[in-house]
N, C-alpha and C. Protein backbone atom coordinates (compact mmCIF):
# COMPACT_ATOMS: atom_id res chain seq x y z
N UNK A 1 107.83 -60.83 86.68
CA UNK A 1 107.56 -62.21 86.35
C UNK A 1 106.69 -62.84 87.43
N UNK A 2 105.75 -63.62 87.01
CA UNK A 2 104.91 -64.30 87.98
C UNK A 2 105.25 -65.78 87.98
N UNK A 3 105.21 -66.36 89.16
CA UNK A 3 105.51 -67.78 89.26
C UNK A 3 104.26 -68.57 88.89
N UNK A 4 104.44 -69.75 88.30
CA UNK A 4 103.26 -70.56 87.94
C UNK A 4 102.56 -71.05 89.19
N UNK A 5 101.26 -70.89 89.20
CA UNK A 5 100.47 -71.33 90.34
C UNK A 5 100.02 -72.77 90.12
N UNK A 6 100.04 -73.57 91.17
CA UNK A 6 99.54 -74.95 91.02
C UNK A 6 98.03 -74.94 90.79
N UNK A 7 97.60 -75.76 89.91
CA UNK A 7 96.18 -75.88 89.63
C UNK A 7 95.54 -76.84 90.61
N UNK A 8 94.21 -76.82 90.74
CA UNK A 8 93.57 -77.79 91.64
C UNK A 8 93.80 -79.23 91.19
N UNK A 9 94.15 -79.42 89.92
CA UNK A 9 94.37 -80.78 89.41
C UNK A 9 95.74 -81.31 89.80
N UNK A 10 96.63 -80.44 90.31
CA UNK A 10 97.99 -80.86 90.64
C UNK A 10 97.99 -81.62 91.96
N UNK A 11 98.22 -82.91 91.90
CA UNK A 11 98.26 -83.78 93.08
C UNK A 11 99.55 -84.56 93.04
N UNK A 12 99.88 -85.20 94.15
CA UNK A 12 101.08 -86.02 94.20
C UNK A 12 100.96 -87.21 93.26
N UNK A 13 99.78 -87.81 93.14
CA UNK A 13 99.59 -88.96 92.28
C UNK A 13 99.12 -88.60 90.89
N UNK A 14 99.20 -87.31 90.54
CA UNK A 14 98.66 -86.84 89.27
C UNK A 14 99.40 -87.43 88.08
N UNK A 15 100.71 -87.64 88.20
CA UNK A 15 101.47 -88.17 87.08
C UNK A 15 100.98 -89.55 86.67
N UNK A 16 100.79 -90.41 87.65
CA UNK A 16 100.31 -91.76 87.35
C UNK A 16 98.89 -91.76 86.81
N UNK A 17 98.05 -90.91 87.37
CA UNK A 17 96.67 -90.84 86.91
C UNK A 17 96.60 -90.27 85.51
N UNK A 18 97.37 -89.21 85.25
CA UNK A 18 97.38 -88.62 83.91
C UNK A 18 97.90 -89.62 82.88
N UNK A 19 98.90 -90.37 83.26
CA UNK A 19 99.46 -91.39 82.36
C UNK A 19 98.41 -92.46 82.06
N UNK A 20 97.68 -92.88 83.07
CA UNK A 20 96.63 -93.88 82.90
C UNK A 20 95.50 -93.35 82.01
N UNK A 21 95.11 -92.11 82.21
CA UNK A 21 94.04 -91.52 81.42
C UNK A 21 94.47 -91.36 79.97
N UNK A 22 95.74 -91.01 79.73
CA UNK A 22 96.23 -90.91 78.35
C UNK A 22 96.15 -92.26 77.64
N UNK A 23 96.52 -93.33 78.33
CA UNK A 23 96.43 -94.65 77.72
C UNK A 23 94.98 -95.04 77.46
N UNK A 24 94.10 -94.68 78.37
CA UNK A 24 92.68 -94.99 78.18
C UNK A 24 92.13 -94.23 76.97
N UNK A 25 92.50 -92.97 76.83
CA UNK A 25 92.06 -92.19 75.67
C UNK A 25 92.62 -92.77 74.38
N UNK A 26 93.86 -93.22 74.43
CA UNK A 26 94.46 -93.86 73.26
C UNK A 26 93.68 -95.11 72.88
N UNK A 27 93.27 -95.89 73.87
CA UNK A 27 92.51 -97.11 73.56
C UNK A 27 91.13 -96.78 73.03
N UNK A 28 90.56 -95.64 73.45
CA UNK A 28 89.26 -95.22 72.93
C UNK A 28 89.33 -94.94 71.44
N UNK A 29 90.50 -94.59 70.95
CA UNK A 29 90.70 -94.35 69.52
C UNK A 29 91.15 -95.62 68.82
N UNK A 30 92.06 -96.35 69.44
CA UNK A 30 92.65 -97.52 68.80
C UNK A 30 91.66 -98.67 68.60
N UNK A 31 90.85 -98.96 69.60
CA UNK A 31 89.94 -100.10 69.52
C UNK A 31 88.95 -99.96 68.37
N UNK A 32 88.28 -98.82 68.19
CA UNK A 32 87.38 -98.71 67.05
C UNK A 32 88.10 -98.80 65.69
N UNK A 33 89.32 -98.28 65.62
CA UNK A 33 90.09 -98.39 64.37
C UNK A 33 90.37 -99.86 64.06
N UNK A 34 90.76 -100.61 65.06
CA UNK A 34 91.02 -102.04 64.86
C UNK A 34 89.74 -102.77 64.48
N UNK A 35 88.63 -102.40 65.13
CA UNK A 35 87.36 -103.03 64.77
C UNK A 35 87.00 -102.75 63.32
N UNK A 36 87.18 -101.52 62.87
CA UNK A 36 86.91 -101.20 61.46
C UNK A 36 87.86 -101.95 60.54
N UNK A 37 89.11 -102.08 60.94
CA UNK A 37 90.10 -102.80 60.13
C UNK A 37 89.69 -104.26 59.92
N UNK A 38 89.12 -104.86 60.95
CA UNK A 38 88.72 -106.26 60.86
C UNK A 38 87.28 -106.46 60.38
N UNK A 39 86.65 -105.40 59.89
CA UNK A 39 85.37 -105.55 59.22
C UNK A 39 84.13 -105.28 60.04
N UNK A 40 84.25 -104.71 61.20
CA UNK A 40 83.07 -104.37 61.98
C UNK A 40 82.36 -103.19 61.33
N UNK A 41 81.10 -103.02 61.64
CA UNK A 41 80.35 -101.91 61.07
C UNK A 41 80.80 -100.58 61.69
N UNK A 42 80.55 -99.52 60.96
CA UNK A 42 80.89 -98.19 61.46
C UNK A 42 80.08 -97.86 62.70
N UNK A 43 78.82 -98.25 62.71
CA UNK A 43 77.97 -98.00 63.87
C UNK A 43 78.47 -98.78 65.09
N UNK A 44 78.88 -100.01 64.89
CA UNK A 44 79.42 -100.81 65.99
C UNK A 44 80.70 -100.22 66.55
N UNK A 45 81.58 -99.77 65.65
CA UNK A 45 82.83 -99.16 66.10
C UNK A 45 82.56 -97.84 66.83
N UNK A 46 81.60 -97.06 66.33
CA UNK A 46 81.26 -95.79 66.98
C UNK A 46 80.64 -96.05 68.36
N UNK A 47 79.78 -97.05 68.46
CA UNK A 47 79.19 -97.40 69.75
C UNK A 47 80.24 -97.86 70.74
N UNK A 48 81.20 -98.63 70.25
CA UNK A 48 82.30 -99.08 71.11
C UNK A 48 83.12 -97.89 71.59
N UNK A 49 83.39 -96.95 70.68
CA UNK A 49 84.16 -95.76 71.06
C UNK A 49 83.42 -94.95 72.12
N UNK A 50 82.12 -94.79 71.95
CA UNK A 50 81.34 -94.05 72.95
C UNK A 50 81.31 -94.77 74.29
N UNK A 51 81.16 -96.07 74.25
CA UNK A 51 81.17 -96.84 75.50
C UNK A 51 82.50 -96.76 76.22
N UNK A 52 83.59 -96.89 75.47
CA UNK A 52 84.91 -96.77 76.09
C UNK A 52 85.16 -95.37 76.63
N UNK A 53 84.68 -94.35 75.91
CA UNK A 53 84.84 -92.97 76.38
C UNK A 53 84.05 -92.75 77.67
N UNK A 54 82.86 -93.32 77.75
CA UNK A 54 82.06 -93.18 78.98
C UNK A 54 82.73 -93.86 80.16
N UNK A 55 83.23 -95.08 79.94
CA UNK A 55 83.92 -95.80 81.02
C UNK A 55 85.17 -95.04 81.44
N UNK A 56 85.91 -94.50 80.48
CA UNK A 56 87.11 -93.74 80.79
C UNK A 56 86.78 -92.50 81.61
N UNK A 57 85.71 -91.81 81.25
CA UNK A 57 85.31 -90.60 81.98
C UNK A 57 84.92 -90.93 83.42
N UNK A 58 84.17 -92.00 83.61
CA UNK A 58 83.77 -92.40 84.96
C UNK A 58 84.99 -92.81 85.78
N UNK A 59 85.90 -93.57 85.18
CA UNK A 59 87.11 -93.98 85.89
C UNK A 59 87.96 -92.77 86.26
N UNK A 60 88.04 -91.79 85.37
CA UNK A 60 88.80 -90.57 85.67
C UNK A 60 88.19 -89.84 86.86
N UNK A 61 86.87 -89.72 86.87
CA UNK A 61 86.20 -89.06 88.00
C UNK A 61 86.46 -89.81 89.31
N UNK A 62 86.37 -91.13 89.27
CA UNK A 62 86.60 -91.92 90.49
C UNK A 62 88.04 -91.83 90.96
N UNK A 63 89.00 -91.81 90.02
CA UNK A 63 90.41 -91.67 90.39
C UNK A 63 90.66 -90.31 91.04
N UNK A 64 90.12 -89.25 90.46
CA UNK A 64 90.31 -87.91 91.02
C UNK A 64 89.67 -87.83 92.41
N UNK A 65 88.50 -88.43 92.57
CA UNK A 65 87.82 -88.39 93.86
C UNK A 65 88.63 -89.14 94.92
N UNK A 66 89.17 -90.30 94.55
CA UNK A 66 89.95 -91.06 95.52
C UNK A 66 91.24 -90.33 95.87
N UNK A 67 91.84 -89.61 94.91
CA UNK A 67 93.03 -88.81 95.21
C UNK A 67 92.70 -87.69 96.18
N UNK A 68 91.56 -87.02 95.97
CA UNK A 68 91.17 -85.95 96.88
C UNK A 68 90.92 -86.49 98.28
N UNK A 69 90.25 -87.63 98.37
CA UNK A 69 89.98 -88.23 99.68
C UNK A 69 91.27 -88.65 100.37
N UNK A 70 92.20 -89.21 99.62
CA UNK A 70 93.48 -89.62 100.20
C UNK A 70 94.28 -88.40 100.66
N UNK A 71 94.24 -87.32 99.88
CA UNK A 71 94.95 -86.11 100.27
C UNK A 71 94.32 -85.51 101.51
N UNK A 72 92.99 -85.52 101.59
CA UNK A 72 92.30 -84.99 102.76
C UNK A 72 92.62 -85.83 103.99
N UNK A 73 92.65 -87.16 103.84
CA UNK A 73 92.95 -88.05 104.96
C UNK A 73 94.38 -87.83 105.45
N UNK A 74 95.33 -87.69 104.53
CA UNK A 74 96.71 -87.48 104.96
C UNK A 74 96.87 -86.11 105.61
N UNK A 75 96.11 -85.12 105.14
CA UNK A 75 96.16 -83.79 105.78
C UNK A 75 95.60 -83.86 107.19
N UNK A 76 94.52 -84.64 107.38
CA UNK A 76 93.97 -84.79 108.72
C UNK A 76 94.94 -85.53 109.63
N UNK A 77 95.62 -86.54 109.09
CA UNK A 77 96.60 -87.28 109.88
C UNK A 77 97.76 -86.38 110.28
N UNK A 78 98.21 -85.54 109.36
CA UNK A 78 99.31 -84.63 109.67
C UNK A 78 98.86 -83.56 110.64
N UNK A 79 97.59 -83.16 110.58
CA UNK A 79 97.07 -82.12 111.47
C UNK A 79 96.99 -82.58 112.91
N UNK A 80 96.95 -83.89 113.15
CA UNK A 80 96.87 -84.41 114.51
C UNK A 80 98.17 -84.19 115.26
N UNK A 81 99.27 -83.98 114.56
CA UNK A 81 100.56 -83.77 115.20
C UNK A 81 101.33 -85.06 115.33
N UNK A 82 102.65 -84.95 115.33
CA UNK A 82 103.46 -86.17 115.37
C UNK A 82 103.39 -86.90 116.70
N UNK A 83 103.13 -86.20 117.81
CA UNK A 83 103.12 -86.85 119.11
C UNK A 83 101.74 -87.26 119.57
N UNK A 84 100.72 -86.89 118.81
CA UNK A 84 99.35 -87.20 119.22
C UNK A 84 99.08 -88.69 119.06
N UNK A 85 98.42 -89.30 120.04
CA UNK A 85 98.11 -90.72 119.91
C UNK A 85 97.05 -90.94 118.83
N UNK A 86 97.22 -92.00 118.09
CA UNK A 86 96.27 -92.33 117.05
C UNK A 86 95.15 -93.16 117.64
N UNK A 87 93.94 -92.75 117.40
CA UNK A 87 92.78 -93.46 117.91
C UNK A 87 92.26 -94.36 116.81
N UNK A 88 92.15 -95.67 117.07
CA UNK A 88 91.63 -96.56 116.03
C UNK A 88 90.16 -96.26 115.75
N UNK A 89 89.77 -96.52 114.53
CA UNK A 89 88.39 -96.29 114.13
C UNK A 89 87.48 -97.32 114.81
N UNK A 90 86.34 -96.87 115.25
CA UNK A 90 85.37 -97.76 115.87
C UNK A 90 84.66 -98.55 114.78
N UNK A 91 84.26 -99.78 115.05
CA UNK A 91 83.55 -100.56 114.03
C UNK A 91 82.20 -99.92 113.73
N UNK A 92 81.74 -100.13 112.52
CA UNK A 92 80.45 -99.59 112.13
C UNK A 92 79.34 -100.30 112.89
N UNK A 93 78.26 -99.59 113.18
CA UNK A 93 77.15 -100.23 113.89
C UNK A 93 76.56 -101.38 113.08
N UNK A 94 76.25 -102.45 113.76
CA UNK A 94 75.64 -103.59 113.10
C UNK A 94 76.63 -104.58 112.52
N UNK A 95 77.91 -104.31 112.64
CA UNK A 95 78.92 -105.22 112.11
C UNK A 95 79.69 -105.82 113.28
N UNK A 96 79.85 -107.13 113.23
CA UNK A 96 80.59 -107.81 114.29
C UNK A 96 82.05 -107.91 113.89
N UNK A 97 82.90 -107.83 114.88
CA UNK A 97 84.31 -108.05 114.63
C UNK A 97 84.60 -109.52 114.68
N UNK A 98 85.66 -109.93 114.05
CA UNK A 98 86.05 -111.34 114.11
C UNK A 98 86.52 -111.67 115.53
N UNK A 99 86.17 -112.85 116.03
CA UNK A 99 86.49 -113.17 117.41
C UNK A 99 87.97 -113.37 117.68
N UNK A 100 88.75 -113.74 116.72
CA UNK A 100 90.17 -113.95 116.95
C UNK A 100 90.87 -114.38 115.68
N UNK A 101 92.19 -114.35 115.71
CA UNK A 101 92.91 -114.67 114.50
C UNK A 101 92.94 -116.16 114.21
N UNK A 102 92.88 -117.00 115.24
CA UNK A 102 92.99 -118.44 115.02
C UNK A 102 91.67 -119.17 114.99
N UNK A 103 90.58 -118.47 115.02
CA UNK A 103 89.29 -119.16 115.07
C UNK A 103 88.88 -119.63 113.69
N UNK A 104 88.19 -120.75 113.65
CA UNK A 104 87.70 -121.30 112.39
C UNK A 104 86.19 -121.21 112.39
N UNK A 105 85.65 -120.88 111.24
CA UNK A 105 84.19 -120.74 111.16
C UNK A 105 83.67 -121.69 110.10
N UNK A 106 83.02 -122.74 110.52
CA UNK A 106 82.37 -123.66 109.59
C UNK A 106 83.36 -124.34 108.65
N UNK A 107 82.84 -124.81 107.54
CA UNK A 107 83.68 -125.45 106.55
C UNK A 107 83.88 -126.92 106.85
N UNK A 108 84.57 -127.60 105.96
CA UNK A 108 84.83 -129.02 106.14
C UNK A 108 86.20 -129.20 106.75
N UNK A 109 86.27 -130.03 107.75
CA UNK A 109 87.54 -130.31 108.41
C UNK A 109 87.74 -131.81 108.47
N UNK A 110 88.96 -132.25 108.25
CA UNK A 110 89.23 -133.68 108.36
C UNK A 110 89.27 -134.06 109.84
N UNK A 111 89.17 -135.34 110.12
CA UNK A 111 89.13 -135.83 111.49
C UNK A 111 90.42 -135.61 112.24
N UNK A 112 91.51 -135.49 111.59
CA UNK A 112 92.79 -135.29 112.26
C UNK A 112 93.86 -134.98 111.24
N UNK A 113 95.09 -135.14 111.67
CA UNK A 113 96.20 -134.84 110.77
C UNK A 113 96.75 -136.09 110.07
N UNK A 114 96.07 -137.22 110.25
CA UNK A 114 96.53 -138.47 109.62
C UNK A 114 96.19 -138.43 108.14
N UNK A 115 97.07 -138.99 107.30
CA UNK A 115 96.78 -139.01 105.86
C UNK A 115 95.58 -139.89 105.55
N UNK A 116 94.85 -139.52 104.54
CA UNK A 116 93.66 -140.26 104.15
C UNK A 116 94.07 -141.34 103.17
N UNK A 117 93.50 -142.54 103.34
CA UNK A 117 93.70 -143.57 102.34
C UNK A 117 94.41 -144.73 102.74
């Protein structure tokens, strides 16, 4: 007997993603049916189905990519070791950090804390 091997698609968040994709596929079928039921043209319903299928496919690709990136990031974090100090990420070149938590930048401010009127 051979044990089942995990596929590359098997991820920790795969259940939620698969559930979401199933609902999206269901809507790709349901929406055109409802459109036809309410009198839309066959061409319009078919175009809607194709558009929804394209959006669903792109969303599926983006979800899978973000899962792979998150898995890679967590693997890198685990590879650093539990006692290794974490080094904060340096800011990107050309971007300024905020000067402080309590600083105010522009905007309208009243003259004081006295009620108006």
